[in-house]
Amino acid sequence: MGGFTAGNGVPGAIAFLVPAAPAPHLSGVAPHTPKDPLHGVTLERLLTELVAHHGWREMGRRVEIRCFLFDPSIKSSLTFLRKNPWARSKVEEMYVDLVSGR
């Protein structure tokens, strides 16, 4: 007598896959938080925070690029930083230093 048997061994019974119950949340365990201080921070936001904290003059002193030194603006700086990874990495490093308190 052929046919299918369910996990309970009953011939002809239909087996259904039932999802396991989610693991209960362990109290006292913090949810995962990323260790990268740049996680979720847009380039515009970090640039705006750096300018508010340091000002354009100090930004230009630390990273010598024209968009910080001559007629600076967020828009021109974003355009330049998106096209020049070496400058962007320096600005991101300044932001990490700022938020980490260094």
PDB file of N, CA and C in Angstrom:
ATOM      1  N   MET A   1       0.857  -1.156   0.000  1.00  0.00           N
ATOM      2  CA  MET A   1       0.000   0.000   0.000  1.00  0.00           C
ATOM      3  C   MET A   1       0.908   1.224   0.000  1.00  0.00           C
ATOM      4  N   GLY A   2       0.996   1.896  -1.165  1.00  0.00           N
ATOM      5  CA  GLY A   2       1.877   3.055  -1.270  1.00  0.00           C
ATOM      6  C   GLY A   2       1.231   4.286  -0.682  1.00  0.00           C
ATOM      7  N   GLY A   3       1.800   5.410  -0.990  1.00  0.00           N
ATOM      8  CA  GLY A   3       1.222   6.665  -0.532  1.00  0.00           C
ATOM      9  C   GLY A   3       2.184   7.418   0.361  1.00  0.00           C
ATOM     10  N   PHE A   4       1.723   8.522   0.756  1.00  0.00           N
ATOM     11  CA  PHE A   4       2.547   9.388   1.599  1.00  0.00           C
ATOM     12  C   PHE A   4       2.213   9.152   3.054  1.00  0.00           C
ATOM     13  N   THR A   5       3.197   9.330   3.885  1.00  0.00           N
ATOM     14  CA  THR A   5       2.919   9.280   5.313  1.00  0.00           C
ATOM     15  C   THR A   5       3.377  10.590   5.923  1.00  0.00           C
ATOM     16  N   ALA A   6       2.629  11.071   6.821  1.00  0.00           N
ATOM     17  CA  ALA A   6       2.990  12.301   7.508  1.00  0.00           C
ATOM     18  C   ALA A   6       4.023  11.975   8.574  1.00  0.00           C
ATOM     19  N   GLY A   7       4.537  12.973   9.156  1.00  0.00           N
ATOM     20  CA  GLY A   7       5.543  12.791  10.198  1.00  0.00           C
ATOM     21  C   GLY A   7       5.026  11.974  11.364  1.00  0.00           C
ATOM     22  N   ASN A   8       3.719  11.881  11.487  1.00  0.00           N
ATOM     23  CA  ASN A   8       3.160  11.103  12.596  1.00  0.00           C
ATOM     24  C   ASN A   8       2.967   9.641  12.213  1.00  0.00           C
ATOM     25  N   GLY A   9       3.340   9.274  10.965  1.00  0.00           N
ATOM     26  CA  GLY A   9       3.281   7.889  10.537  1.00  0.00           C
ATOM     27  C   GLY A   9       1.927   7.434  10.053  1.00  0.00           C
ATOM     28  N   VAL A  10       0.955   8.343   9.949  1.00  0.00           N
ATOM     29  CA  VAL A  10      -0.380   7.970   9.501  1.00  0.00           C
ATOM     30  C   VAL A  10      -0.376   7.987   7.974  1.00  0.00           C
ATOM     31  N   PRO A  11      -0.693   6.824   7.331  1.00  0.00           N
ATOM     32  CA  PRO A  11      -0.717   6.786   5.873  1.00  0.00           C
ATOM     33  C   PRO A  11      -1.787   7.713   5.310  1.00  0.00           C
ATOM     34  N   GLY A  12      -1.411   8.467   4.257  1.00  0.00           N
ATOM     35  CA  GLY A  12      -2.363   9.338   3.591  1.00  0.00           C
ATOM     36  C   GLY A  12      -2.577  10.673   4.281  1.00  0.00           C
ATOM     37  N   ALA A  13      -2.033  10.864   5.455  1.00  0.00           N
ATOM     38  CA  ALA A  13      -2.199  12.138   6.146  1.00  0.00           C
ATOM     39  C   ALA A  13      -1.333  13.191   5.457  1.00  0.00           C
ATOM     40  N   ILE A  14      -1.782  14.393   5.483  1.00  0.00           N
ATOM     41  CA  ILE A  14      -1.040  15.483   4.842  1.00  0.00           C
ATOM     42  C   ILE A  14      -0.180  16.156   5.903  1.00  0.00           C
ATOM     43  N   ALA A  15       1.084  16.300   5.542  1.00  0.00           N
ATOM     44  CA  ALA A  15       2.002  16.966   6.471  1.00  0.00           C
ATOM     45  C   ALA A  15       2.049  18.453   6.142  1.00  0.00           C
ATOM     46  N   PHE A  16       1.975  19.278   7.126  1.00  0.00           N
ATOM     47  CA  PHE A  16       2.068  20.719   6.950  1.00  0.00           C
ATOM     48  C   PHE A  16       3.337  21.208   7.632  1.00  0.00           C
ATOM     49  N   LEU A  17       3.975  22.159   6.971  1.00  0.00           N
ATOM     50  CA  LEU A  17       5.138  22.781   7.588  1.00  0.00           C
ATOM     51  C   LEU A  17       4.647  23.947   8.429  1.00  0.00           C
ATOM     52  N   VAL A  18       4.958  23.908   9.670  1.00  0.00           N
ATOM     53  CA  VAL A  18       4.554  24.964  10.584  1.00  0.00           C
ATOM     54  C   VAL A  18       5.808  25.698  11.008  1.00  0.00           C
ATOM     55  N   PRO A  19       5.840  27.010  10.817  1.00  0.00           N
ATOM     56  CA  PRO A  19       7.043  27.735  11.217  1.00  0.00           C
ATOM     57  C   PRO A  19       7.265  27.644  12.718  1.00  0.00           C
ATOM     58  N   ALA A  20       8.521  27.558  13.062  1.00  0.00           N
ATOM     59  CA  ALA A  20       8.862  27.510  14.486  1.00  0.00           C
ATOM     60  C   ALA A  20       8.514  28.840  15.125  1.00  0.00           C
ATOM     61  N   ALA A  21       8.194  28.804  16.375  1.00  0.00           N
ATOM     62  CA  ALA A  21       7.891  30.031  17.107  1.00  0.00           C
ATOM     63  C   ALA A  21       9.152  30.869  17.195  1.00  0.00           C
ATOM     64  N   PRO A  22       9.005  32.185  17.099  1.00  0.00           N
ATOM     65  CA  PRO A  22      10.189  33.031  17.207  1.00  0.00           C
ATOM     66  C   PRO A  22      10.840  32.871  18.577  1.00  0.00           C
ATOM     67  N   ALA A  23      12.140  33.004  18.581  1.00  0.00           N
ATOM     68  CA  ALA A  23      12.868  32.885  19.847  1.00  0.00           C
ATOM     69  C   ALA A  23      12.453  34.017  20.770  1.00  0.00           C
ATOM     70  N   PRO A  24      12.218  33.718  21.997  1.00  0.00           N
ATOM     71  CA  PRO A  24      11.826  34.787  22.928  1.00  0.00           C
ATOM     72  C   PRO A  24      12.991  35.763  23.106  1.00  0.00           C
ATOM     73  N   HIS A  25      12.653  37.036  23.268  1.00  0.00           N
ATOM     74  CA  HIS A  25      13.671  38.055  23.474  1.00  0.00           C
ATOM     75  C   HIS A  25      14.293  37.860  24.856  1.00  0.00           C
ATOM     76  N   LEU A  26      15.573  37.833  24.861  1.00  0.00           N
ATOM     77  CA  LEU A  26      16.282  37.670  26.123  1.00  0.00           C
ATOM     78  C   LEU A  26      16.376  39.023  26.806  1.00  0.00           C
ATOM     79  N   SER A  27      15.776  39.148  27.954  1.00  0.00           N
ATOM     80  CA  SER A  27      15.837  40.430  28.644  1.00  0.00           C
ATOM     81  C   SER A  27      17.259  40.672  29.129  1.00  0.00           C
ATOM     82  N   GLY A  28      17.637  41.927  29.092  1.00  0.00           N
ATOM     83  CA  GLY A  28      18.986  42.287  29.516  1.00  0.00           C
ATOM     84  C   GLY A  28      20.001  42.230  28.390  1.00  0.00           C
ATOM     85  N   VAL A  29      19.614  41.741  27.220  1.00  0.00           N
ATOM     86  CA  VAL A  29      20.521  41.707  26.085  1.00  0.00           C
ATOM     87  C   VAL A  29      20.141  42.845  25.157  1.00  0.00           C
ATOM     88  N   ALA A  30      21.079  43.722  24.884  1.00  0.00           N
ATOM     89  CA  ALA A  30      20.814  44.867  24.028  1.00  0.00           C
ATOM     90  C   ALA A  30      20.677  44.417  22.583  1.00  0.00           C
ATOM     91  N   PRO A  31      19.786  45.043  21.848  1.00  0.00           N
ATOM     92  CA  PRO A  31      19.682  44.713  20.428  1.00  0.00           C
ATOM     93  C   PRO A  31      20.960  45.106  19.703  1.00  0.00           C
ATOM     94  N   HIS A  32      21.204  44.474  18.567  1.00  0.00           N
ATOM     95  CA  HIS A  32      22.425  44.729  17.812  1.00  0.00           C
ATOM     96  C   HIS A  32      22.494  46.186  17.378  1.00  0.00           C
ATOM     97  N   THR A  33      23.593  46.840  17.657  1.00  0.00           N
ATOM     98  CA  THR A  33      23.828  48.201  17.192  1.00  0.00           C
ATOM     99  C   THR A  33      25.120  48.214  16.409  1.00  0.00           C
ATOM    100  N   PRO A  34      25.138  48.878  15.275  1.00  0.00           N
ATOM    101  CA  PRO A  34      26.347  48.897  14.466  1.00  0.00           C
ATOM    102  C   PRO A  34      27.471  49.662  15.162  1.00  0.00           C
ATOM    103  N   LYS A  35      28.688  49.207  14.968  1.00  0.00           N
ATOM    104  CA  LYS A  35      29.834  49.858  15.587  1.00  0.00           C
ATOM    105  C   LYS A  35      30.390  50.961  14.700  1.00  0.00           C
ATOM    106  N   ASP A  36      29.972  50.996  13.451  1.00  0.00           N
ATOM    107  CA  ASP A  36      30.449  52.000  12.514  1.00  0.00           C
ATOM    108  C   ASP A  36      29.738  53.322  12.781  1.00  0.00           C
ATOM    109  N   PRO A  37      30.467  54.370  13.204  1.00  0.00           N
ATOM    110  CA  PRO A  37      29.815  55.652  13.490  1.00  0.00           C
ATOM    111  C   PRO A  37      29.249  56.327  12.243  1.00  0.00           C
ATOM    112  N   LEU A  38      29.632  55.862  11.057  1.00  0.00           N
ATOM    113  CA  LEU A  38      29.099  56.431   9.822  1.00  0.00           C
ATOM    114  C   LEU A  38      27.826  55.733   9.361  1.00  0.00           C
ATOM    115  N   HIS A  39      27.465  54.636  10.029  1.00  0.00           N
ATOM    116  CA  HIS A  39      26.286  53.865   9.636  1.00  0.00           C
ATOM    117  C   HIS A  39      25.032  54.725   9.715  1.00  0.00           C
ATOM    118  N   GLY A  40      24.348  54.857   8.600  1.00  0.00           N
ATOM    119  CA  GLY A  40      23.098  55.605   8.570  1.00  0.00           C
ATOM    120  C   GLY A  40      23.250  57.109   8.497  1.00  0.00           C
ATOM    121  N   VAL A  41      24.476  57.604   8.400  1.00  0.00           N
ATOM    122  CA  VAL A  41      24.718  59.046   8.343  1.00  0.00           C
ATOM    123  C   VAL A  41      24.980  59.429   6.891  1.00  0.00           C
ATOM    124  N   THR A  42      24.192  60.340   6.378  1.00  0.00           N
ATOM    125  CA  THR A  42      24.408  60.777   5.003  1.00  0.00           C
ATOM    126  C   THR A  42      25.600  61.723   4.941  1.00  0.00           C
ATOM    127  N   LEU A  43      26.176  61.827   3.757  1.00  0.00           N
ATOM    128  CA  LEU A  43      27.301  62.740   3.566  1.00  0.00           C
ATOM    129  C   LEU A  43      26.868  64.178   3.850  1.00  0.00           C
ATOM    130  N   GLU A  44      25.665  64.528   3.456  1.00  0.00           N
ATOM    131  CA  GLU A  44      25.172  65.883   3.714  1.00  0.00           C
ATOM    132  C   GLU A  44      25.065  66.156   5.215  1.00  0.00           C
ATOM    133  N   ARG A  45      24.567  65.186   5.953  1.00  0.00           N
ATOM    134  CA  ARG A  45      24.414  65.376   7.406  1.00  0.00           C
ATOM    135  C   ARG A  45      25.776  65.526   8.088  1.00  0.00           C
ATOM    136  N   LEU A  46      26.726  64.652   7.750  1.00  0.00           N
ATOM    137  CA  LEU A  46      28.014  64.753   8.431  1.00  0.00           C
ATOM    138  C   LEU A  46      28.721  66.042   8.058  1.00  0.00           C
ATOM    139  N   LEU A  47      28.601  66.472   6.796  1.00  0.00           N
ATOM    140  CA  LEU A  47      29.219  67.722   6.381  1.00  0.00           C
ATOM    141  C   LEU A  47      28.583  68.904   7.101  1.00  0.00           C
ATOM    142  N   THR A  48      27.270  68.903   7.207  1.00  0.00           N
ATOM    143  CA  THR A  48      26.565  69.977   7.910  1.00  0.00           C
ATOM    144  C   THR A  48      26.983  70.042   9.375  1.00  0.00           C
ATOM    145  N   GLU A  49      27.110  68.894  10.024  1.00  0.00           N
ATOM    146  CA  GLU A  49      27.531  68.874  11.429  1.00  0.00           C
ATOM    147  C   GLU A  49      28.972  69.352  11.586  1.00  0.00           C
ATOM    148  N   LEU A  50      29.837  68.946  10.671  1.00  0.00           N
ATOM    149  CA  LEU A  50      31.230  69.391  10.742  1.00  0.00           C
ATOM    150  C   LEU A  50      31.348  70.903  10.554  1.00  0.00           C
ATOM    151  N   VAL A  51      30.610  71.441   9.600  1.00  0.00           N
ATOM    152  CA  VAL A  51      30.648  72.892   9.362  1.00  0.00           C
ATOM    153  C   VAL A  51      30.091  73.638  10.565  1.00  0.00           C
ATOM    154  N   ALA A  52      29.029  73.123  11.160  1.00  0.00           N
ATOM    155  CA  ALA A  52      28.458  73.765  12.348  1.00  0.00           C
ATOM    156  C   ALA A  52      29.447  73.750  13.506  1.00  0.00           C
ATOM    157  N   HIS A  53      30.206  72.677  13.622  1.00  0.00           N
ATOM    158  CA  HIS A  53      31.155  72.550  14.729  1.00  0.00           C
ATOM    159  C   HIS A  53      32.474  73.294  14.470  1.00  0.00           C
ATOM    160  N   HIS A  54      33.058  73.090  13.283  1.00  0.00           N
ATOM    161  CA  HIS A  54      34.387  73.648  12.994  1.00  0.00           C
ATOM    162  C   HIS A  54      34.349  74.950  12.205  1.00  0.00           C
ATOM    163  N   GLY A  55      33.368  75.104  11.336  1.00  0.00           N
ATOM    164  CA  GLY A  55      33.334  76.247  10.424  1.00  0.00           C
ATOM    165  C   GLY A  55      34.134  75.937   9.162  1.00  0.00           C
ATOM    166  N   TRP A  56      33.837  76.692   8.104  1.00  0.00           N
ATOM    167  CA  TRP A  56      34.489  76.442   6.820  1.00  0.00           C
ATOM    168  C   TRP A  56      35.998  76.670   6.875  1.00  0.00           C
ATOM    169  N   ARG A  57      36.423  77.693   7.605  1.00  0.00           N
ATOM    170  CA  ARG A  57      37.865  78.014   7.658  1.00  0.00           C
ATOM    171  C   ARG A  57      38.668  76.844   8.221  1.00  0.00           C
ATOM    172  N   GLU A  58      38.189  76.279   9.328  1.00  0.00           N
ATOM    173  CA  GLU A  58      38.886  75.139   9.941  1.00  0.00           C
ATOM    174  C   GLU A  58      38.787  73.900   9.049  1.00  0.00           C
ATOM    175  N   MET A  59      37.654  73.729   8.405  1.00  0.00           N
ATOM    176  CA  MET A  59      37.512  72.604   7.475  1.00  0.00           C
ATOM    177  C   MET A  59      38.548  72.721   6.357  1.00  0.00           C
ATOM    178  N   GLY A  60      38.712  73.939   5.822  1.00  0.00           N
ATOM    179  CA  GLY A  60      39.693  74.171   4.759  1.00  0.00           C
ATOM    180  C   GLY A  60      41.121  74.008   5.241  1.00  0.00           C
ATOM    181  N   ARG A  61      41.362  74.311   6.503  1.00  0.00           N
ATOM    182  CA  ARG A  61      42.705  74.129   7.052  1.00  0.00           C
ATOM    183  C   ARG A  61      43.030  72.645   7.181  1.00  0.00           C
ATOM    184  N   ARG A  62      42.050  71.865   7.605  1.00  0.00           N
ATOM    185  CA  ARG A  62      42.278  70.429   7.809  1.00  0.00           C
ATOM    186  C   ARG A  62      42.309  69.640   6.508  1.00  0.00           C
ATOM    187  N   VAL A  63      41.440  70.006   5.569  1.00  0.00           N
ATOM    188  CA  VAL A  63      41.397  69.344   4.263  1.00  0.00           C
ATOM    189  C   VAL A  63      41.453  70.466   3.227  1.00  0.00           C
ATOM    190  N   GLU A  64      42.602  70.663   2.638  1.00  0.00           N
ATOM    191  CA  GLU A  64      42.811  71.788   1.724  1.00  0.00           C
ATOM    192  C   GLU A  64      42.194  71.508   0.352  1.00  0.00           C
ATOM    193  N   ILE A  65      40.933  71.856   0.254  1.00  0.00           N
ATOM    194  CA  ILE A  65      40.237  71.745  -1.027  1.00  0.00           C
ATOM    195  C   ILE A  65      39.501  73.059  -1.269  1.00  0.00           C
ATOM    196  N   ARG A  66      39.430  73.458  -2.523  1.00  0.00           N
ATOM    197  CA  ARG A  66      38.866  74.754  -2.895  1.00  0.00           C
ATOM    198  C   ARG A  66      37.430  74.948  -2.407  1.00  0.00           C
ATOM    199  N   CYS A  67      36.646  73.887  -2.442  1.00  0.00           N
ATOM    200  CA  CYS A  67      35.232  74.058  -2.066  1.00  0.00           C
ATOM    201  C   CYS A  67      35.068  74.390  -0.583  1.00  0.00           C
ATOM    202  N   PHE A  68      36.091  74.190   0.215  1.00  0.00           N
ATOM    203  CA  PHE A  68      36.062  74.600   1.622  1.00  0.00           C
ATOM    204  C   PHE A  68      36.670  75.987   1.801  1.00  0.00           C
ATOM    205  N   LEU A  69      37.561  76.385   0.904  1.00  0.00           N
ATOM    206  CA  LEU A  69      38.324  77.619   1.073  1.00  0.00           C
ATOM    207  C   LEU A  69      37.750  78.825   0.341  1.00  0.00           C
ATOM    208  N   PHE A  70      37.175  78.631  -0.841  1.00  0.00           N
ATOM    209  CA  PHE A  70      36.708  79.736  -1.662  1.00  0.00           C
ATOM    210  C   PHE A  70      35.218  79.596  -1.943  1.00  0.00           C
ATOM    211  N   ASP A  71      34.441  80.540  -1.444  1.00  0.00           N
ATOM    212  CA  ASP A  71      32.990  80.542  -1.612  1.00  0.00           C
ATOM    213  C   ASP A  71      32.383  79.184  -1.255  1.00  0.00           C
ATOM    214  N   PRO A  72      32.605  78.728  -0.028  1.00  0.00           N
ATOM    215  CA  PRO A  72      32.153  77.385   0.355  1.00  0.00           C
ATOM    216  C   PRO A  72      30.632  77.282   0.444  1.00  0.00           C
ATOM    217  N   SER A  73      30.139  76.106   0.090  1.00  0.00           N
ATOM    218  CA  SER A  73      28.724  75.800   0.255  1.00  0.00           C
ATOM    219  C   SER A  73      28.588  74.284   0.431  1.00  0.00           C
ATOM    220  N   ILE A  74      27.506  73.885   1.034  1.00  0.00           N
ATOM    221  CA  ILE A  74      27.243  72.457   1.212  1.00  0.00           C
ATOM    222  C   ILE A  74      27.122  71.794  -0.153  1.00  0.00           C
ATOM    223  N   LYS A  75      26.386  72.431  -1.072  1.00  0.00           N
ATOM    224  CA  LYS A  75      26.148  71.840  -2.390  1.00  0.00           C
ATOM    225  C   LYS A  75      27.450  71.597  -3.151  1.00  0.00           C
ATOM    226  N   SER A  76      28.312  72.598  -3.232  1.00  0.00           N
ATOM    227  CA  SER A  76      29.565  72.414  -3.978  1.00  0.00           C
ATOM    228  C   SER A  76      30.468  71.399  -3.291  1.00  0.00           C
ATOM    229  N   SER A  77      30.452  71.387  -1.977  1.00  0.00           N
ATOM    230  CA  SER A  77      31.274  70.434  -1.235  1.00  0.00           C
ATOM    231  C   SER A  77      30.783  69.004  -1.438  1.00  0.00           C
ATOM    232  N   LEU A  78      29.469  68.809  -1.430  1.00  0.00           N
ATOM    233  CA  LEU A  78      28.922  67.476  -1.668  1.00  0.00           C
ATOM    234  C   LEU A  78      29.299  66.967  -3.053  1.00  0.00           C
ATOM    235  N   THR A  79      29.199  67.833  -4.041  1.00  0.00           N
ATOM    236  CA  THR A  79      29.562  67.448  -5.409  1.00  0.00           C
ATOM    237  C   THR A  79      31.017  67.022  -5.472  1.00  0.00           C
ATOM    238  N   PHE A  80      31.903  67.813  -4.882  1.00  0.00           N
ATOM    239  CA  PHE A  80      33.330  67.498  -4.912  1.00  0.00           C
ATOM    240  C   PHE A  80      33.633  66.211  -4.148  1.00  0.00           C
ATOM    241  N   LEU A  81      33.074  66.080  -2.957  1.00  0.00           N
ATOM    242  CA  LEU A  81      33.373  64.914  -2.124  1.00  0.00           C
ATOM    243  C   LEU A  81      32.851  63.618  -2.747  1.00  0.00           C
ATOM    244  N   ARG A  82      31.746  63.689  -3.449  1.00  0.00           N
ATOM    245  CA  ARG A  82      31.215  62.482  -4.100  1.00  0.00           C
ATOM    246  C   ARG A  82      32.085  62.035  -5.269  1.00  0.00           C
ATOM    247  N   LYS A  83      32.811  62.962  -5.871  1.00  0.00           N
ATOM    248  CA  LYS A  83      33.665  62.636  -7.017  1.00  0.00           C
ATOM    249  C   LYS A  83      35.104  62.333  -6.625  1.00  0.00           C
ATOM    250  N   ASN A  84      35.482  62.617  -5.386  1.00  0.00           N
ATOM    251  CA  ASN A  84      36.874  62.473  -4.951  1.00  0.00           C
ATOM    252  C   ASN A  84      36.956  61.683  -3.650  1.00  0.00           C
ATOM    253  N   PRO A  85      37.103  60.364  -3.762  1.00  0.00           N
ATOM    254  CA  PRO A  85      37.108  59.505  -2.571  1.00  0.00           C
ATOM    255  C   PRO A  85      38.190  59.857  -1.549  1.00  0.00           C
ATOM    256  N   TRP A  86      39.341  60.343  -1.996  1.00  0.00           N
ATOM    257  CA  TRP A  86      40.412  60.683  -1.057  1.00  0.00           C
ATOM    258  C   TRP A  86      39.976  61.820  -0.129  1.00  0.00           C
ATOM    259  N   ALA A  87      39.257  62.806  -0.680  1.00  0.00           N
ATOM    260  CA  ALA A  87      38.781  63.926   0.137  1.00  0.00           C
ATOM    261  C   ALA A  87      37.626  63.487   1.032  1.00  0.00           C
ATOM    262  N   ARG A  88      36.754  62.673   0.476  1.00  0.00           N
ATOM    263  CA  ARG A  88      35.617  62.180   1.265  1.00  0.00           C
ATOM    264  C   ARG A  88      36.098  61.396   2.478  1.00  0.00           C
ATOM    265  N   SER A  89      37.110  60.554   2.298  1.00  0.00           N
ATOM    266  CA  SER A  89      37.602  59.761   3.429  1.00  0.00           C
ATOM    267  C   SER A  89      38.197  60.652   4.511  1.00  0.00           C
ATOM    268  N   LYS A  90      38.842  61.748   4.123  1.00  0.00           N
ATOM    269  CA  LYS A  90      39.387  62.680   5.130  1.00  0.00           C
ATOM    270  C   LYS A  90      38.262  63.366   5.907  1.00  0.00           C
ATOM    271  N   VAL A  91      37.209  63.738   5.198  1.00  0.00           N
ATOM    272  CA  VAL A  91      36.073  64.395   5.850  1.00  0.00           C
ATOM    273  C   VAL A  91      35.346  63.398   6.755  1.00  0.00           C
ATOM    274  N   GLU A  92      35.186  62.170   6.297  1.00  0.00           N
ATOM    275  CA  GLU A  92      34.555  61.151   7.133  1.00  0.00           C
ATOM    276  C   GLU A  92      35.391  60.881   8.384  1.00  0.00           C
ATOM    277  N   GLU A  93      36.696  60.890   8.243  1.00  0.00           N
ATOM    278  CA  GLU A  93      37.578  60.695   9.398  1.00  0.00           C
ATOM    279  C   GLU A  93      37.415  61.837  10.402  1.00  0.00           C
ATOM    280  N   MET A  94      37.270  63.065   9.901  1.00  0.00           N
ATOM    281  CA  MET A  94      37.019  64.208  10.796  1.00  0.00           C
ATOM    282  C   MET A  94      35.716  64.008  11.559  1.00  0.00           C
ATOM    283  N   TYR A  95      34.701  63.509  10.878  1.00  0.00           N
ATOM    284  CA  TYR A  95      33.406  63.283  11.522  1.00  0.00           C
ATOM    285  C   TYR A  95      33.504  62.209  12.597  1.00  0.00           C
ATOM    286  N   VAL A  96      34.204  61.131  12.292  1.00  0.00           N
ATOM    287  CA  VAL A  96      34.376  60.058  13.272  1.00  0.00           C
ATOM    288  C   VAL A  96      35.102  60.599  14.501  1.00  0.00           C
ATOM    289  N   ASP A  97      36.125  61.410  14.287  1.00  0.00           N
ATOM    290  CA  ASP A  97      36.840  62.030  15.410  1.00  0.00           C
ATOM    291  C   ASP A  97      35.895  62.912  16.236  1.00  0.00           C
ATOM    292  N   LEU A  98      35.037  63.647  15.542  1.00  0.00           N
ATOM    293  CA  LEU A  98      34.098  64.523  16.244  1.00  0.00           C
ATOM    294  C   LEU A  98      33.116  63.753  17.102  1.00  0.00           C
ATOM    295  N   VAL A  99      32.491  62.712  16.539  1.00  0.00           N
ATOM    296  CA  VAL A  99      31.481  61.984  17.300  1.00  0.00           C
ATOM    297  C   VAL A  99      32.068  61.071  18.359  1.00  0.00           C
ATOM    298  N   SER A 100      33.336  60.686  18.188  1.00  0.00           N
ATOM    299  CA  SER A 100      33.953  59.833  19.200  1.00  0.00           C
ATOM    300  C   SER A 100      34.613  60.651  20.305  1.00  0.00           C
ATOM    301  N   GLY A 101      34.616  61.980  20.149  1.00  0.00           N
ATOM    302  CA  GLY A 101      35.155  62.837  21.198  1.00  0.00           C
ATOM    303  C   GLY A 101      36.662  62.997  21.161  1.00  0.00           C
ATOM    304  N   ARG A 102      37.279  62.623  20.066  1.00  0.00           N
ATOM    305  CA  ARG A 102      38.741  62.808  19.970  1.00  0.00           C
ATOM    306  C   ARG A 102      39.091  64.209  19.575  1.00  0.00           C
TER     307      ARG A 102
END
